Amino acid sequence: MTTTKYKRVLLKLSGEAFRGEADYGIDAATLARIAKQIKQTIEMGVGVAIVVGGGNI
């Protein structure tokens, strides 16, 4: 397991982060990319709390 600087992090994502190039809604490819990055962080032993805004819906 990799040694990390933090044991836990809070990730605040704007709802707009999920829309990709679209004007509104959720882009599946963008969501999958974000989920993969979060999964990798968790696999490093970091606890991740996530807050998501919904302004784009």
C-alpha atoms as a PDB file:
ATOM      1  CA  MET A   1       0.000   0.000   0.000  1.00  0.00           C
ATOM      2  CA  THR A   2       1.265   3.471  -0.879  1.00  0.00           C
ATOM      3  CA  THR A   3       1.954   5.906   1.958  1.00  0.00           C
ATOM      4  CA  THR A   4      -0.253   8.967   1.565  1.00  0.00           C
ATOM      5  CA  LYS A   5      -0.182  12.411   3.108  1.00  0.00           C
ATOM      6  CA  TYR A   6      -3.843  12.214   4.189  1.00  0.00           C
ATOM      7  CA  LYS A   7      -5.905   9.357   5.642  1.00  0.00           C
ATOM      8  CA  ARG A   8      -9.230  10.971   4.732  1.00  0.00           C
ATOM      9  CA  VAL A   9     -10.324  13.604   2.231  1.00  0.00           C
ATOM     10  CA  LEU A  10     -13.532  15.449   1.395  1.00  0.00           C
ATOM     11  CA  LEU A  11     -14.134  15.799  -2.331  1.00  0.00           C
ATOM     12  CA  LYS A  12     -16.614  18.537  -3.287  1.00  0.00           C
ATOM     13  CA  LEU A  13     -17.700  18.240  -6.898  1.00  0.00           C
ATOM     14  CA  SER A  14     -19.864  20.728  -8.713  1.00  0.00           C
ATOM     15  CA  GLY A  15     -22.688  19.059 -10.617  1.00  0.00           C
ATOM     16  CA  GLU A  16     -21.199  20.706 -13.693  1.00  0.00           C
ATOM     17  CA  ALA A  17     -18.154  18.432 -13.335  1.00  0.00           C
ATOM     18  CA  PHE A  18     -20.322  15.532 -14.564  1.00  0.00           C
ATOM     19  CA  ARG A  19     -21.716  17.151 -17.693  1.00  0.00           C
ATOM     20  CA  GLY A  20     -18.619  16.877 -19.872  1.00  0.00           C
ATOM     21  CA  GLU A  21     -19.094  18.950 -23.031  1.00  0.00           C
ATOM     22  CA  ALA A  22     -22.907  18.979 -22.749  1.00  0.00           C
ATOM     23  CA  ASP A  23     -24.935  21.967 -21.551  1.00  0.00           C
ATOM     24  CA  TYR A  24     -26.710  19.946 -18.843  1.00  0.00           C
ATOM     25  CA  GLY A  25     -27.139  16.445 -17.475  1.00  0.00           C
ATOM     26  CA  ILE A  26     -24.553  13.772 -16.806  1.00  0.00           C
ATOM     27  CA  ASP A  27     -22.025  12.480 -19.342  1.00  0.00           C
ATOM     28  CA  ALA A  28     -21.387   8.753 -18.793  1.00  0.00           C
ATOM     29  CA  ALA A  29     -17.749   8.861 -19.941  1.00  0.00           C
ATOM     30  CA  THR A  30     -16.965  11.793 -17.645  1.00  0.00           C
ATOM     31  CA  LEU A  31     -18.676  10.080 -14.721  1.00  0.00           C
ATOM     32  CA  ALA A  32     -16.728   6.857 -15.369  1.00  0.00           C
ATOM     33  CA  ARG A  33     -13.420   8.755 -15.447  1.00  0.00           C
ATOM     34  CA  ILE A  34     -14.167  10.509 -12.145  1.00  0.00           C
ATOM     35  CA  ALA A  35     -15.305   7.225 -10.550  1.00  0.00           C
ATOM     36  CA  LYS A  36     -12.103   5.476 -11.666  1.00  0.00           C
ATOM     37  CA  GLN A  37      -9.974   8.199 -10.069  1.00  0.00           C
ATOM     38  CA  ILE A  38     -11.945   8.003  -6.821  1.00  0.00           C
ATOM     39  CA  LYS A  39     -11.608   4.194  -6.814  1.00  0.00           C
ATOM     40  CA  GLN A  40      -7.844   4.459  -7.248  1.00  0.00           C
ATOM     41  CA  THR A  41      -7.673   6.866  -4.308  1.00  0.00           C
ATOM     42  CA  ILE A  42      -9.664   4.492  -2.100  1.00  0.00           C
ATOM     43  CA  GLU A  43      -7.435   1.583  -3.128  1.00  0.00           C
ATOM     44  CA  MET A  44      -4.465   3.625  -1.852  1.00  0.00           C
ATOM     45  CA  GLY A  45      -6.061   3.497   1.601  1.00  0.00           C
ATOM     46  CA  VAL A  46      -7.528   7.001   1.650  1.00  0.00           C
ATOM     47  CA  GLY A  47     -11.051   7.439   3.005  1.00  0.00           C
ATOM     48  CA  VAL A  48     -13.079   9.546   0.584  1.00  0.00           C
ATOM     49  CA  ALA A  49     -16.234  11.497   1.425  1.00  0.00           C
ATOM     50  CA  ILE A  50     -18.008  13.008  -1.581  1.00  0.00           C
ATOM     51  CA  VAL A  51     -20.333  16.014  -1.789  1.00  0.00           C
ATOM     52  CA  VAL A  52     -21.996  16.605  -5.161  1.00  0.00           C
ATOM     53  CA  GLY A  53     -23.863  19.719  -6.235  1.00  0.00           C
ATOM     54  CA  GLY A  54     -26.859  19.433  -8.541  1.00  0.00           C
ATOM     55  CA  GLY A  55     -27.021  22.781 -10.300  1.00  0.00           C
ATOM     56  CA  ASN A  56     -26.744  21.259 -13.763  1.00  0.00           C
ATOM     57  CA  ILE A  57     -29.814  19.027 -13.410  1.00  0.00           C
END
